[in-house]
Amino acid sequence: MVAGVTTNWAEGEISGLVARGAIIVDMEWNDGQLQSAFVKAKYDTTCKIKYKDRIIEVRLAAGRRVDVKKLL
């Protein structure tokens, strides 16, 4: 999740980023490390999330916010 962003910014946050599949992403990182990450879909769907060397598949119910960090 953070790799593409943190190469240029050691700390920061994104809120309301809409990813492929109408998935809304909010995340915060510090010193290149993920501090928090939440995803929410506009429609029931499944998505894959990559963080470091892990890939997880997450089932999302429409409108329900999921704490990704708890799943990693």
Protein backbone atom coordinates (compact mmCIF):
# COMPACT_ATOMS: atom_id res chain seq x y z
CA MET A 1 0.00 0.00 0.00
CA VAL A 2 2.66 2.51 0.92
CA ALA A 3 5.61 1.58 -1.30
CA GLY A 4 4.87 3.87 -4.24
CA VAL A 5 4.22 6.87 -2.03
CA THR A 6 6.89 6.59 0.65
CA THR A 7 9.87 6.58 -1.69
CA ASN A 8 9.34 10.32 -1.99
CA TRP A 9 7.56 11.15 1.27
CA ALA A 10 8.69 9.63 4.58
CA GLU A 11 5.46 10.68 6.26
CA GLY A 12 2.01 11.70 5.19
CA GLU A 13 -1.57 10.70 4.71
CA ILE A 14 -4.13 10.12 2.00
CA SER A 15 -7.86 10.41 2.53
CA GLY A 16 -10.59 9.63 0.04
CA LEU A 17 -8.37 8.17 -2.70
CA VAL A 18 -10.60 6.16 -5.04
CA ALA A 19 -8.89 3.00 -6.27
CA ARG A 20 -9.94 0.66 -9.06
CA GLY A 21 -13.31 -0.93 -8.34
CA ALA A 22 -14.74 2.11 -6.51
CA ILE A 23 -12.73 1.35 -3.35
CA ILE A 24 -12.02 4.33 -1.12
CA VAL A 25 -8.63 4.33 0.62
CA ASP A 26 -7.54 6.29 3.70
CA MET A 27 -4.02 5.71 5.02
CA GLU A 28 -1.31 7.31 7.08
CA TRP A 29 2.41 6.51 7.25
CA ASN A 30 5.42 7.71 9.22
CA ASP A 31 9.11 6.96 8.59
CA GLY A 32 7.99 4.85 5.64
CA GLN A 33 5.90 2.59 7.89
CA LEU A 34 2.16 2.17 7.68
CA GLN A 35 0.44 3.69 10.71
CA SER A 36 -3.19 3.18 9.69
CA ALA A 37 -5.10 2.04 6.61
CA PHE A 38 -8.80 1.75 5.94
CA VAL A 39 -10.72 0.74 2.82
CA LYS A 40 -14.40 1.08 1.99
CA ALA A 41 -16.20 -0.04 -1.16
CA LYS A 42 -19.18 1.56 -2.84
CA TYR A 43 -20.38 -1.93 -3.83
CA ASP A 44 -19.93 -5.44 -2.40
CA THR A 45 -16.60 -6.64 -3.79
CA THR A 46 -13.34 -8.42 -3.10
CA CYS A 47 -9.95 -6.78 -3.47
CA LYS A 48 -6.30 -7.69 -3.07
CA ILE A 49 -4.06 -5.48 -0.96
CA LYS A 50 -0.28 -5.65 -1.09
CA TYR A 51 1.88 -4.42 1.77
CA LYS A 52 5.60 -5.19 1.79
CA ASP A 53 5.85 -8.87 0.79
CA ARG A 54 2.28 -9.79 1.79
CA ILE A 55 -0.81 -9.92 -0.37
CA ILE A 56 -4.17 -10.31 1.33
CA GLU A 57 -7.61 -10.72 -0.17
CA VAL A 58 -10.32 -8.69 1.54
CA ARG A 59 -14.08 -9.04 1.12
CA LEU A 60 -15.77 -5.66 1.33
CA ALA A 61 -19.44 -5.04 2.01
CA ALA A 62 -20.81 -1.86 0.45
CA GLY A 63 -20.28 1.13 2.72
CA ARG A 64 -18.53 -0.80 5.50
CA ARG A 65 -15.08 0.51 6.52
CA VAL A 66 -12.39 -2.14 7.06
CA ASP A 67 -9.22 -1.64 9.14
CA VAL A 68 -6.55 -3.11 6.87
CA LYS A 69 -3.77 -2.81 9.44
CA LYS A 70 -5.58 -5.33 11.67
CA LEU A 71 -5.55 -7.81 8.79
CA LEU A 72 -1.81 -7.55 8.11
